Structure formats: structure tokens, C-alpha cells
Amino acid sequence: MQATLLGILGLALLGTLHAQDSIPVQTDFQQDKLTGRWYSVGLASNSNWFKEKRHLMKMCTTIISTTAEGNLEVTSTYPKGDQCVTRNSLYIKTEQPGRFSYTSPRWGSKHNIHVVDTNYEEYALVATQISKGTGSSTMVLLYSRTKELSPERLEMFTQFSREQGLTDDEILILPQTGEAGSTGM
């Protein structure tokens, strides 16, 4: 009985590790080229908060910088009601370039972040596996250096999100916010 239980747990752990490894990471990832200003153009997720807040979501601005330790400081500013809210996150580098971990101090959720694909000058596709005591979810973000991306890049984001098991109801091209001078972003 105990051997069977250990075997089942081992297979479950192997499945979890395999799921994390099934998300690709940018070949020859160059972290310094990822730094700077990005706009979140697309967001896909099967989490409950996304389903509840989807209709309120808008494009946000994200600044990525490298810390002295080689981690990523990610600062996102997004509209909430009639004001702008800023959230700072520290993505801890892992042994695999292009892969990071983050633990939410607010929710206690653990994030396994993969920079899937980027050309550094136009777009970055980022996938995150999120695990929390209540279960797990997937999130895919499409960043752009400008507020608009080509239909081909948007389709790439949509197709990759579907490959991660997300449905069309869970995939959103974010509406643009106002210009920097009018909203503070």
C-alpha cells in the first residue's frame, strides 16, 4: 500500500515537472535586451480572478530592469478606476536563462515564469504557471514595445495560448489606455 502511494505521488510530481518543462524558453535568452519599457497588449488566463475582472482590464505599462543580483525587477502601472496603480515584482532567476520564479507576498501563490519567445525590439511572449493551495492556473502575456502589434504577432499569442489549453473566452487583446499625459501612465 505504501509503495503504491509513493508511486502515485512520484508520478504526480513527474507530471508537474513535465508540465513546467513543456513550456518552451527563448533560445539564447539575453536578459539585458529584455529590459526597458513594454506595453501589455495581450493577456490570457484560466484563473478565477481573470474571469471576474476580464471586462475591466486595459493595457498597462511595464518597466523591466535587472538587479545587481541578476534578477528582474518588474514594475507594472495599470488603470484601476480613475487612478493608476503600480505593482512591483521581483522575478528570481533560475539555472535556466529565460526562466524565473516569483512568490506573491499578497496571495502566497508561486509563479514559474518562462520567456517563451522575443525579438527584444518588438514583442515578448511570456507564460506563467501559477500554483496556490487552491489549485493551479496558466497565464500568458504578450508584451510590445509599442501600443500596437501586427496581426501576425497577435495571432501567434492567441495560438500559443490555445496550445497551453486556454479557450478563446480566456484570451484577451487588451484595450489601449489613454496617452501618458492624460492618465499618468
N, C-alpha and C. Protein backbone atom coordinates (compact mmCIF):
# COMPACT_ATOMS: atom_id res chain seq x y z
N MET A 1 0.83 -1.20 0.00
CA MET A 1 0.00 0.00 0.00
C MET A 1 0.86 1.25 0.00
N GLN A 2 1.86 1.30 0.90
CA GLN A 2 2.72 2.47 0.99
C GLN A 2 3.52 2.66 -0.30
N ALA A 3 4.00 1.57 -0.87
CA ALA A 3 4.77 1.64 -2.12
C ALA A 3 3.89 2.17 -3.25
N THR A 4 2.62 1.75 -3.28
CA THR A 4 1.69 2.23 -4.30
C THR A 4 1.46 3.73 -4.15
N LEU A 5 1.25 4.18 -2.93
CA LEU A 5 1.03 5.60 -2.67
C LEU A 5 2.25 6.42 -3.09
N LEU A 6 3.44 5.93 -2.73
CA LEU A 6 4.67 6.63 -3.13
C LEU A 6 4.81 6.66 -4.64
N GLY A 7 4.44 5.57 -5.29
CA GLY A 7 4.49 5.51 -6.75
C GLY A 7 3.56 6.54 -7.39
N ILE A 8 2.35 6.64 -6.85
CA ILE A 8 1.38 7.62 -7.36
C ILE A 8 1.89 9.04 -7.14
N LEU A 9 2.41 9.32 -5.95
CA LEU A 9 2.96 10.64 -5.67
C LEU A 9 4.13 10.96 -6.60
N GLY A 10 4.97 9.96 -6.85
CA GLY A 10 6.10 10.15 -7.76
C GLY A 10 5.64 10.49 -9.16
N LEU A 11 4.61 9.78 -9.65
CA LEU A 11 4.07 10.06 -10.98
C LEU A 11 3.44 11.45 -11.03
N ALA A 12 2.75 11.85 -9.96
CA ALA A 12 2.14 13.18 -9.91
C ALA A 12 3.22 14.26 -9.96
N LEU A 13 4.30 14.07 -9.20
CA LEU A 13 5.40 15.03 -9.21
C LEU A 13 6.06 15.08 -10.58
N LEU A 14 6.26 13.92 -11.18
CA LEU A 14 6.86 13.87 -12.51
C LEU A 14 5.97 14.59 -13.52
N GLY A 15 4.65 14.42 -13.41
CA GLY A 15 3.71 15.11 -14.28
C GLY A 15 3.79 16.62 -14.12
N THR A 16 3.92 17.07 -12.88
CA THR A 16 4.05 18.51 -12.62
C THR A 16 5.33 19.06 -13.21
N LEU A 17 6.43 18.35 -13.01
CA LEU A 17 7.70 18.79 -13.57
C LEU A 17 7.66 18.79 -15.09
N HIS A 18 7.02 17.76 -15.67
CA HIS A 18 6.92 17.68 -17.12
C HIS A 18 6.08 18.85 -17.65
N ALA A 19 4.99 19.18 -16.95
CA ALA A 19 4.13 20.29 -17.39
C ALA A 19 4.92 21.60 -17.41
N GLN A 20 5.77 21.81 -16.40
CA GLN A 20 6.56 23.03 -16.37
C GLN A 20 7.59 23.03 -17.49
N ASP A 21 8.17 21.86 -17.77
CA ASP A 21 9.18 21.77 -18.82
C ASP A 21 8.57 21.83 -20.20
N SER A 22 7.25 21.60 -20.33
CA SER A 22 6.63 21.60 -21.64
C SER A 22 6.47 23.03 -22.18
N ILE A 23 6.63 24.03 -21.34
CA ILE A 23 6.59 25.42 -21.80
C ILE A 23 7.99 25.77 -22.29
N PRO A 24 8.12 26.13 -23.55
CA PRO A 24 9.45 26.44 -24.08
C PRO A 24 10.02 27.73 -23.51
N VAL A 25 11.32 27.88 -23.65
CA VAL A 25 12.02 29.10 -23.23
C VAL A 25 12.83 29.61 -24.42
N GLN A 26 12.89 30.91 -24.57
CA GLN A 26 13.64 31.55 -25.65
C GLN A 26 15.06 30.96 -25.76
N THR A 27 15.43 30.53 -26.93
CA THR A 27 16.78 30.03 -27.18
C THR A 27 17.77 31.19 -27.08
N ASP A 28 18.91 30.96 -26.48
CA ASP A 28 19.95 32.00 -26.33
C ASP A 28 19.39 33.28 -25.70
N PHE A 29 18.59 33.11 -24.64
CA PHE A 29 17.97 34.26 -23.97
C PHE A 29 19.03 35.26 -23.50
N GLN A 30 18.80 36.54 -23.83
CA GLN A 30 19.71 37.62 -23.44
C GLN A 30 18.94 38.61 -22.55
N GLN A 31 19.09 38.42 -21.26
CA GLN A 31 18.31 39.17 -20.27
C GLN A 31 18.45 40.68 -20.41
N ASP A 32 19.63 41.17 -20.67
CA ASP A 32 19.83 42.63 -20.76
C ASP A 32 19.02 43.24 -21.90
N LYS A 33 18.71 42.48 -22.94
CA LYS A 33 17.91 43.01 -24.06
C LYS A 33 16.43 43.07 -23.73
N LEU A 34 16.01 42.37 -22.67
CA LEU A 34 14.60 42.36 -22.28
C LEU A 34 14.23 43.59 -21.45
N THR A 35 15.24 44.28 -20.93
CA THR A 35 14.97 45.42 -20.05
C THR A 35 14.38 46.59 -20.83
N GLY A 36 13.73 47.49 -20.10
CA GLY A 36 13.13 48.67 -20.70
C GLY A 36 11.62 48.67 -20.57
N ARG A 37 10.99 49.54 -21.35
CA ARG A 37 9.54 49.74 -21.29
C ARG A 37 8.83 48.78 -22.25
N TRP A 38 7.76 48.18 -21.74
CA TRP A 38 6.89 47.30 -22.52
C TRP A 38 5.44 47.68 -22.25
N TYR A 39 4.57 47.38 -23.20
CA TYR A 39 3.13 47.51 -23.02
C TYR A 39 2.53 46.10 -23.05
N SER A 40 1.63 45.82 -22.13
CA SER A 40 0.94 44.53 -22.16
C SER A 40 -0.20 44.66 -23.18
N VAL A 41 -0.07 43.93 -24.26
CA VAL A 41 -1.02 44.00 -25.36
C VAL A 41 -2.03 42.86 -25.28
N GLY A 42 -1.58 41.71 -24.81
CA GLY A 42 -2.46 40.55 -24.71
C GLY A 42 -2.31 39.86 -23.36
N LEU A 43 -3.40 39.32 -22.86
CA LEU A 43 -3.40 38.59 -21.60
C LEU A 43 -4.37 37.42 -21.74
N ALA A 44 -3.89 36.24 -21.37
CA ALA A 44 -4.74 35.05 -21.38
C ALA A 44 -4.55 34.33 -20.06
N SER A 45 -5.64 33.83 -19.48
CA SER A 45 -5.53 33.12 -18.21
C SER A 45 -6.79 32.30 -17.95
N ASN A 46 -6.60 31.19 -17.25
CA ASN A 46 -7.75 30.38 -16.82
C ASN A 46 -8.00 30.53 -15.32
N SER A 47 -7.47 31.60 -14.73
CA SER A 47 -7.67 31.83 -13.30
C SER A 47 -9.03 32.47 -13.03
N ASN A 48 -9.52 32.30 -11.82
CA ASN A 48 -10.81 32.89 -11.44
C ASN A 48 -10.77 34.41 -11.46
N TRP A 49 -9.67 35.02 -10.99
CA TRP A 49 -9.60 36.49 -10.96
C TRP A 49 -9.69 37.06 -12.37
N PHE A 50 -9.10 36.36 -13.34
CA PHE A 50 -9.17 36.84 -14.73
C PHE A 50 -10.61 36.81 -15.22
N LYS A 51 -11.31 35.71 -14.94
CA LYS A 51 -12.71 35.59 -15.37
C LYS A 51 -13.56 36.68 -14.75
N GLU A 52 -13.29 37.02 -13.48
CA GLU A 52 -14.07 38.04 -12.79
C GLU A 52 -13.74 39.46 -13.25
N LYS A 53 -12.47 39.72 -13.59
CA LYS A 53 -12.03 41.08 -13.89
C LYS A 53 -11.81 41.35 -15.38
N ARG A 54 -11.99 40.34 -16.22
CA ARG A 54 -11.68 40.45 -17.65
C ARG A 54 -12.28 41.71 -18.29
N HIS A 55 -13.52 41.99 -18.00
CA HIS A 55 -14.21 43.12 -18.62
C HIS A 55 -13.65 44.48 -18.19
N LEU A 56 -12.87 44.52 -17.11
CA LEU A 56 -12.29 45.77 -16.62
C LEU A 56 -10.85 46.00 -17.09
N MET A 57 -10.22 44.98 -17.66
CA MET A 57 -8.79 45.04 -17.94
C MET A 57 -8.46 45.92 -19.14
N LYS A 58 -7.34 46.63 -18.98
CA LYS A 58 -6.83 47.50 -20.04
C LYS A 58 -5.32 47.32 -20.12
N MET A 59 -4.77 47.81 -21.19
CA MET A 59 -3.32 47.74 -21.41
C MET A 59 -2.59 48.44 -20.26
N CYS A 60 -1.45 47.87 -19.85
CA CYS A 60 -0.65 48.52 -18.82
C CYS A 60 0.78 48.69 -19.32
N THR A 61 1.52 49.52 -18.63
CA THR A 61 2.92 49.76 -18.95
C THR A 61 3.77 49.00 -17.94
N THR A 62 4.79 48.32 -18.44
CA THR A 62 5.68 47.54 -17.58
C THR A 62 7.12 47.95 -17.87
N ILE A 63 7.86 48.23 -16.80
CA ILE A 63 9.28 48.53 -16.92
C ILE A 63 10.04 47.36 -16.32
N ILE A 64 10.96 46.78 -17.10
CA ILE A 64 11.78 45.66 -16.63
C ILE A 64 13.21 46.13 -16.49
N SER A 65 13.80 45.88 -15.33
CA SER A 65 15.21 46.22 -15.11
C SER A 65 15.89 45.05 -14.39
N THR A 66 17.20 45.01 -14.51
CA THR A 66 17.98 43.95 -13.89
C THR A 66 18.55 44.44 -12.56
N THR A 67 18.47 43.61 -11.54
CA THR A 67 19.04 43.96 -10.23
C THR A 67 20.52 43.59 -10.22
N ALA A 68 21.22 44.03 -9.19
CA ALA A 68 22.65 43.72 -9.04
C ALA A 68 22.87 42.21 -8.95
N GLU A 69 21.88 41.47 -8.44
CA GLU A 69 22.00 40.02 -8.29
C GLU A 69 21.66 39.27 -9.57
N GLY A 70 21.21 39.99 -10.60
CA GLY A 70 20.86 39.34 -11.86
C GLY A 70 19.41 38.92 -11.97
N ASN A 71 18.58 39.36 -11.02
CA ASN A 71 17.15 39.09 -11.08
C ASN A 71 16.46 40.19 -11.88
N LEU A 72 15.16 40.05 -12.10
CA LEU A 72 14.41 41.07 -12.83
C LEU A 72 13.47 41.82 -11.89
N GLU A 73 13.54 43.12 -11.91
CA GLU A 73 12.59 43.98 -11.21
C GLU A 73 11.53 44.36 -12.25
N VAL A 74 10.29 43.99 -12.00
CA VAL A 74 9.21 44.21 -12.95
C VAL A 74 8.20 45.16 -12.31
N THR A 75 8.06 46.35 -12.89
CA THR A 75 7.17 47.37 -12.36
C THR A 75 6.06 47.63 -13.38
N SER A 76 4.83 47.30 -13.00
CA SER A 76 3.69 47.48 -13.90
C SER A 76 2.77 48.56 -13.36
N THR A 77 2.36 49.43 -14.26
CA THR A 77 1.41 50.50 -13.92
C THR A 77 0.17 50.28 -14.77
N TYR A 78 -0.99 50.20 -14.12
CA TYR A 78 -2.21 49.91 -14.84
C TYR A 78 -3.36 50.75 -14.29
N PRO A 79 -4.38 50.99 -15.14
CA PRO A 79 -5.53 51.78 -14.69
C PRO A 79 -6.44 50.95 -13.78
N LYS A 80 -6.89 51.58 -12.70
CA LYS A 80 -7.86 50.96 -11.81
C LYS A 80 -8.84 52.05 -11.43
N GLY A 81 -10.03 51.97 -11.98
CA GLY A 81 -10.99 53.05 -11.78
C GLY A 81 -10.49 54.30 -12.46
N ASP A 82 -10.44 55.42 -11.71
CA ASP A 82 -9.97 56.67 -12.30
C ASP A 82 -8.55 57.01 -11.88
N GLN A 83 -7.80 56.01 -11.40
CA GLN A 83 -6.41 56.27 -11.00
C GLN A 83 -5.49 55.21 -11.58
N CYS A 84 -4.20 55.41 -11.41
CA CYS A 84 -3.21 54.45 -11.85
C CYS A 84 -2.60 53.76 -10.63
N VAL A 85 -2.42 52.47 -10.73
CA VAL A 85 -1.85 51.67 -9.65
C VAL A 85 -0.54 51.06 -10.15
N THR A 86 0.47 51.05 -9.29
CA THR A 86 1.76 50.48 -9.66
C THR A 86 2.03 49.27 -8.78
N ARG A 87 2.48 48.17 -9.43
CA ARG A 87 2.84 46.96 -8.69
C ARG A 87 4.27 46.58 -9.05
N ASN A 88 5.08 46.32 -8.02
CA ASN A 88 6.46 45.89 -8.21
C ASN A 88 6.56 44.40 -7.91
N SER A 89 7.29 43.68 -8.75
CA SER A 89 7.53 42.24 -8.55
C SER A 89 9.00 41.96 -8.79
N LEU A 90 9.56 41.04 -8.02
CA LEU A 90 10.95 40.64 -8.21
C LEU A 90 10.96 39.21 -8.72
N TYR A 91 11.36 39.06 -9.99
CA TYR A 91 11.46 37.74 -10.61
C TYR A 91 12.87 37.21 -10.34
N ILE A 92 12.95 36.10 -9.63
CA ILE A 92 14.23 35.49 -9.26
C ILE A 92 14.70 34.58 -10.39
N LYS A 93 15.93 34.79 -10.85
CA LYS A 93 16.45 33.96 -11.94
C LYS A 93 16.62 32.52 -11.47
N THR A 94 16.53 31.59 -12.40
CA THR A 94 16.76 30.17 -12.12
C THR A 94 18.02 29.76 -12.88
N GLU A 95 18.33 28.48 -12.81
CA GLU A 95 19.52 27.99 -13.52
C GLU A 95 19.34 28.06 -15.03
N GLN A 96 18.09 28.08 -15.50
CA GLN A 96 17.82 28.13 -16.93
C GLN A 96 17.57 29.58 -17.36
N PRO A 97 18.44 30.14 -18.22
CA PRO A 97 18.22 31.51 -18.70
C PRO A 97 16.84 31.63 -19.36
N GLY A 98 16.12 32.71 -19.01
CA GLY A 98 14.78 32.92 -19.54
C GLY A 98 13.68 32.36 -18.67
N ARG A 99 14.06 31.74 -17.57
CA ARG A 99 13.08 31.18 -16.64
C ARG A 99 13.28 31.81 -15.26
N PHE A 100 12.19 32.22 -14.63
CA PHE A 100 12.23 32.93 -13.36
C PHE A 100 11.17 32.39 -12.41
N SER A 101 11.34 32.68 -11.12
CA SER A 101 10.31 32.32 -10.14
C SER A 101 9.93 33.58 -9.37
N TYR A 102 8.70 33.57 -8.89
CA TYR A 102 8.18 34.70 -8.13
C TYR A 102 7.14 34.16 -7.17
N THR A 103 7.15 34.66 -5.93
CA THR A 103 6.13 34.32 -4.96
C THR A 103 5.40 35.60 -4.58
N SER A 104 4.09 35.59 -4.74
CA SER A 104 3.29 36.77 -4.45
C SER A 104 3.19 36.97 -2.94
N PRO A 105 3.69 38.12 -2.44
CA PRO A 105 3.58 38.37 -1.00
C PRO A 105 2.12 38.54 -0.56
N ARG A 106 1.27 38.99 -1.47
CA ARG A 106 -0.11 39.24 -1.13
C ARG A 106 -0.95 37.96 -1.09
N TRP A 107 -0.76 37.08 -2.08
CA TRP A 107 -1.60 35.89 -2.21
C TRP A 107 -0.89 34.59 -1.85
N GLY A 108 0.45 34.62 -1.76
CA GLY A 108 1.20 33.41 -1.44
C GLY A 108 1.32 32.44 -2.61
N SER A 109 0.90 32.86 -3.78
CA SER A 109 0.98 31.99 -4.95
C SER A 109 2.41 31.97 -5.49
N LYS A 110 2.79 30.81 -6.05
CA LYS A 110 4.12 30.64 -6.63
C LYS A 110 4.01 30.68 -8.14
N HIS A 111 4.89 31.47 -8.78
CA HIS A 111 4.84 31.68 -10.21
C HIS A 111 6.12 31.14 -10.86
N ASN A 112 5.94 30.29 -11.86
CA ASN A 112 7.04 29.75 -12.65
C ASN A 112 6.96 30.44 -14.01
N ILE A 113 7.85 31.40 -14.27
CA ILE A 113 7.76 32.31 -15.41
C ILE A 113 8.74 31.89 -16.50
N HIS A 114 8.24 31.82 -17.74
CA HIS A 114 9.06 31.46 -18.90
C HIS A 114 8.98 32.57 -19.94
N VAL A 115 10.13 33.11 -20.36
CA VAL A 115 10.14 33.99 -21.53
C VAL A 115 10.18 33.04 -22.72
N VAL A 116 9.03 32.86 -23.36
CA VAL A 116 8.85 31.86 -24.40
C VAL A 116 9.51 32.28 -25.71
N ASP A 117 9.26 33.52 -26.11
CA ASP A 117 9.74 33.98 -27.42
C ASP A 117 9.82 35.51 -27.40
N THR A 118 10.90 36.05 -27.92
CA THR A 118 11.05 37.50 -28.03
C THR A 118 12.08 37.83 -29.10
N ASN A 119 11.88 38.98 -29.75
CA ASN A 119 12.94 39.51 -30.60
C ASN A 119 13.52 40.77 -29.95
N TYR A 120 13.11 41.03 -28.72
CA TYR A 120 13.62 42.10 -27.83
C TYR A 120 13.23 43.50 -28.29
N GLU A 121 13.06 43.73 -29.57
CA GLU A 121 12.79 45.08 -30.09
C GLU A 121 11.33 45.33 -30.41
N GLU A 122 10.54 44.24 -30.51
CA GLU A 122 9.15 44.39 -30.91
C GLU A 122 8.18 43.74 -29.92
N TYR A 123 8.44 42.49 -29.55
CA TYR A 123 7.49 41.74 -28.73
C TYR A 123 8.21 40.78 -27.79
N ALA A 124 7.49 40.36 -26.76
CA ALA A 124 7.94 39.29 -25.86
C ALA A 124 6.71 38.50 -25.44
N LEU A 125 6.79 37.18 -25.57
CA LEU A 125 5.73 36.28 -25.17
C LEU A 125 6.17 35.58 -23.89
N VAL A 126 5.39 35.74 -22.81
CA VAL A 126 5.76 35.22 -21.51
C VAL A 126 4.63 34.33 -20.98
N ALA A 127 4.99 33.12 -20.54
CA ALA A 127 4.00 32.19 -19.98
C ALA A 127 4.33 31.92 -18.53
N THR A 128 3.31 31.86 -17.69
CA THR A 128 3.49 31.64 -16.26
C THR A 128 2.56 30.54 -15.78
N GLN A 129 3.14 29.58 -15.05
CA GLN A 129 2.36 28.57 -14.34
C GLN A 129 2.25 29.08 -12.91
N ILE A 130 1.03 29.20 -12.42
CA ILE A 130 0.79 29.73 -11.08
C ILE A 130 0.20 28.62 -10.21
N SER A 131 0.83 28.38 -9.06
CA SER A 131 0.28 27.37 -8.15
C SER A 131 0.00 28.01 -6.79
N LYS A 132 -1.11 27.60 -6.24
CA LYS A 132 -1.58 28.11 -4.96
C LYS A 132 -2.24 26.95 -4.25
N GLY A 133 -2.44 27.06 -2.97
CA GLY A 133 -3.06 25.98 -2.22
C GLY A 133 -4.37 25.50 -2.83
N THR A 134 -5.09 26.38 -3.50
CA THR A 134 -6.40 26.04 -4.06
C THR A 134 -6.33 25.45 -5.45
N GLY A 135 -5.14 25.36 -6.04
CA GLY A 135 -5.01 24.79 -7.38
C GLY A 135 -3.97 25.54 -8.19
N SER A 136 -4.03 25.34 -9.50
CA SER A 136 -3.05 26.00 -10.36
C SER A 136 -3.75 26.64 -11.55
N SER A 137 -3.06 27.57 -12.18
CA SER A 137 -3.59 28.23 -13.36
C SER A 137 -2.44 28.59 -14.29
N THR A 138 -2.80 28.96 -15.50
CA THR A 138 -1.85 29.35 -16.52
C THR A 138 -2.15 30.78 -16.93
N MET A 139 -1.08 31.55 -17.16
CA MET A 139 -1.24 32.92 -17.66
C MET A 139 -0.23 33.13 -18.78
N VAL A 140 -0.68 33.74 -19.87
CA VAL A 140 0.19 34.09 -20.98
C VAL A 140 0.07 35.59 -21.20
N LEU A 141 1.21 36.26 -21.31
CA LEU A 141 1.25 37.70 -21.56
C LEU A 141 1.97 37.98 -22.87
N LEU A 142 1.44 38.92 -23.62
CA LEU A 142 2.12 39.40 -24.82
C LEU A 142 2.50 40.85 -24.58
N TYR A 143 3.80 41.10 -24.55
CA TYR A 143 4.32 42.45 -24.37
C TYR A 143 4.75 43.02 -25.73
N SER A 144 4.65 44.34 -25.85
CA SER A 144 5.07 45.02 -27.07
C SER A 144 5.82 46.29 -26.68
N ARG A 145 6.77 46.67 -27.49
CA ARG A 145 7.49 47.93 -27.25
C ARG A 145 6.63 49.13 -27.62
N THR A 146 5.59 48.92 -28.43
CA THR A 146 4.66 49.98 -28.80
C THR A 146 3.25 49.53 -28.39
N LYS A 147 2.28 50.41 -28.51
CA LYS A 147 0.92 50.07 -28.09
C LYS A 147 0.18 49.21 -29.11
N GLU A 148 0.80 48.99 -30.27
CA GLU A 148 0.15 48.16 -31.28
C GLU A 148 1.13 47.14 -31.83
N LEU A 149 0.62 45.96 -32.15
CA LEU A 149 1.42 44.90 -32.75
C LEU A 149 0.73 44.42 -34.01
N SER A 150 1.48 43.80 -34.88
CA SER A 150 0.94 43.29 -36.14
C SER A 150 -0.07 42.17 -35.86
N PRO A 151 -1.02 41.98 -36.78
CA PRO A 151 -1.98 40.88 -36.64
C PRO A 151 -1.28 39.53 -36.53
N GLU A 152 -0.12 39.37 -37.19
CA GLU A 152 0.61 38.11 -37.11
C GLU A 152 1.09 37.83 -35.69
N ARG A 153 1.59 38.85 -35.00
CA ARG A 153 2.05 38.68 -33.61
C ARG A 153 0.87 38.39 -32.68
N LEU A 154 -0.26 39.06 -32.90
CA LEU A 154 -1.45 38.81 -32.09
C LEU A 154 -1.94 37.38 -32.30
N GLU A 155 -1.89 36.90 -33.55
CA GLU A 155 -2.30 35.54 -33.85
C GLU A 155 -1.35 34.53 -33.21
N MET A 156 -0.03 34.84 -33.19
CA MET A 156 0.96 33.98 -32.55
C MET A 156 0.62 33.83 -31.06
N PHE A 157 0.27 34.95 -30.41
CA PHE A 157 -0.11 34.94 -29.00
C PHE A 157 -1.36 34.09 -28.78
N THR A 158 -2.37 34.28 -29.61
CA THR A 158 -3.62 33.54 -29.49
C THR A 158 -3.37 32.05 -29.68
N GLN A 159 -2.60 31.69 -30.70
CA GLN A 159 -2.32 30.28 -30.99
C GLN A 159 -1.53 29.63 -29.85
N PHE A 160 -0.50 30.33 -29.33
CA PHE A 160 0.28 29.78 -28.23
C PHE A 160 -0.60 29.59 -26.99
N SER A 161 -1.48 30.57 -26.71
CA SER A 161 -2.39 30.47 -25.56
C SER A 161 -3.28 29.24 -25.69
N ARG A 162 -3.79 28.99 -26.90
CA ARG A 162 -4.62 27.80 -27.13
C ARG A 162 -3.81 26.54 -26.90
N GLU A 163 -2.54 26.53 -27.33
CA GLU A 163 -1.67 25.36 -27.14
C GLU A 163 -1.44 25.08 -25.65
N GLN A 164 -1.58 26.11 -24.81
CA GLN A 164 -1.44 25.94 -23.36
C GLN A 164 -2.76 25.52 -22.71
N GLY A 165 -3.76 25.25 -23.52
CA GLY A 165 -5.04 24.76 -23.01
C GLY A 165 -6.05 25.85 -22.70
N LEU A 166 -5.76 27.09 -23.09
CA LEU A 166 -6.68 28.20 -22.82
C LEU A 166 -7.71 28.30 -23.94
N THR A 167 -8.93 28.67 -23.57
CA THR A 167 -10.00 28.80 -24.56
C THR A 167 -10.09 30.24 -25.04
N ASP A 168 -10.83 30.46 -26.11
CA ASP A 168 -10.98 31.81 -26.65
C ASP A 168 -11.58 32.77 -25.63
N ASP A 169 -12.43 32.26 -24.72
CA ASP A 169 -13.01 33.11 -23.66
C ASP A 169 -11.96 33.55 -22.64
N GLU A 170 -10.83 32.85 -22.62
CA GLU A 170 -9.76 33.13 -21.65
C GLU A 170 -8.61 33.93 -22.27
N ILE A 171 -8.79 34.35 -23.53
CA ILE A 171 -7.75 35.09 -24.27
C ILE A 171 -8.28 36.48 -24.57
N LEU A 172 -7.48 37.49 -24.25
CA LEU A 172 -7.93 38.88 -24.40
C LEU A 172 -6.84 39.75 -25.00
N ILE A 173 -7.18 40.47 -26.07
CA ILE A 173 -6.32 41.55 -26.57
C ILE A 173 -6.76 42.78 -25.78
N LEU A 174 -5.85 43.36 -25.02
CA LEU A 174 -6.21 44.42 -24.08
C LEU A 174 -6.49 45.74 -24.78
N PRO A 175 -7.57 46.43 -24.37
CA PRO A 175 -7.84 47.75 -24.93
C PRO A 175 -6.78 48.75 -24.48
N GLN A 176 -6.45 49.67 -25.38
CA GLN A 176 -5.44 50.68 -25.05
C GLN A 176 -5.98 51.66 -24.02
N THR A 177 -5.03 52.19 -23.24
CA THR A 177 -5.36 53.25 -22.30
C THR A 177 -5.07 54.58 -22.97
N GLY A 178 -5.39 55.68 -22.31
CA GLY A 178 -5.12 56.99 -22.86
C GLY A 178 -3.63 57.27 -22.97
N GLU A 179 -3.29 58.38 -23.55
CA GLU A 179 -1.88 58.77 -23.68
C GLU A 179 -1.29 59.10 -22.31
N ALA A 180 0.01 59.03 -22.22
CA ALA A 180 0.72 59.22 -20.94
C ALA A 180 0.32 60.52 -20.25
N GLY A 181 0.17 61.58 -21.00
CA GLY A 181 -0.13 62.87 -20.39
C GLY A 181 -1.51 62.93 -19.77
N SER A 182 -2.47 62.16 -20.32
CA SER A 182 -3.83 62.26 -19.81
C SER A 182 -4.14 61.30 -18.67
N THR A 183 -3.37 60.21 -18.54
CA THR A 183 -3.69 59.24 -17.49
C THR A 183 -2.56 59.07 -16.48
N GLY A 184 -1.44 59.66 -16.74
CA GLY A 184 -0.32 59.49 -15.81
C GLY A 184 0.47 58.22 -16.09
N MET A 185 0.13 57.52 -17.18
CA MET A 185 0.86 56.28 -17.50
C MET A 185 1.73 56.47 -18.69
